[in-house]
Amino acid sequence: MVNRIDAAQRRRLLAEATWRIILRDGLPAVSVRAVAAEAGLAAGSVRHFFPSQSELLNFAMTALVETVAARIGAAAEVSDARSRVVAMLTELLPVTDRTHAEFAAYLEFLHRSRTDASLRTVAWESVRAVRDLIGRVLADLHALGMIRAELDLGQEAMRLHAFVDGLTLQLIVAPELNSREAARHSIRGWLEDLAPHHEEDEKQ
């Protein structure tokens, strides 16, 4: 058990070293030797866990996706339905220093997946997971009567997914366009726009 724990910790250490290199120098700078130096290990130690660079990158991307998924899972424990959905969707945005770094690295991985078959499945599954998550939370709100009954949930999931992805891209490459706080509020505002109209609103 101790050896398995040590191995998991070592792999995580190497994944985090990979992320740091990506953020500082870009994904093309990642190599077994560079990751070993970043982690303070011998190159042979890295190759023990990841015999190839493709395996290293695949693990690093998967670990990054799992890190975000874990925070979404924690946000799912919020008791109030609307606040829970806002908290979960906010975890899909780079609105803290930590998440900004994570999503910046993630975008590098996504770009690489266009030409690197070893990353394509992880990339596809991560994008699909976001769409599924958004679809589920909208369905939950719909069942609770918190969004309008006539809405096409599939279409709304696509629109909200595109909104989240676009906002993420802006926050990474053009942060001066939107503040992080404005990005947080935009999620709540989007959901409010889907809410049922009150009778007094309809009379006006």
Foldseek 3Di string as FASTA:
>chain_A
DVVVVVVVVVLVLLLVLQLVCCLPPNNVVDDLCSSCVSSVHDSVVSCVNPVGPLSSLQSSLLVLLVVLVVQLVVLCPDDDLLSSLLSNLLSLAQLDPVSLSSVSSNVSLLVVVVPDVSSVVVNVVSLVVQLVVLLVSVVVCCVVQFFDVPDDSNVVSVVVSVVSVVNRVCCRPPVVVDHSVRVSVVSSVSSNVRGDDDPVVVVD
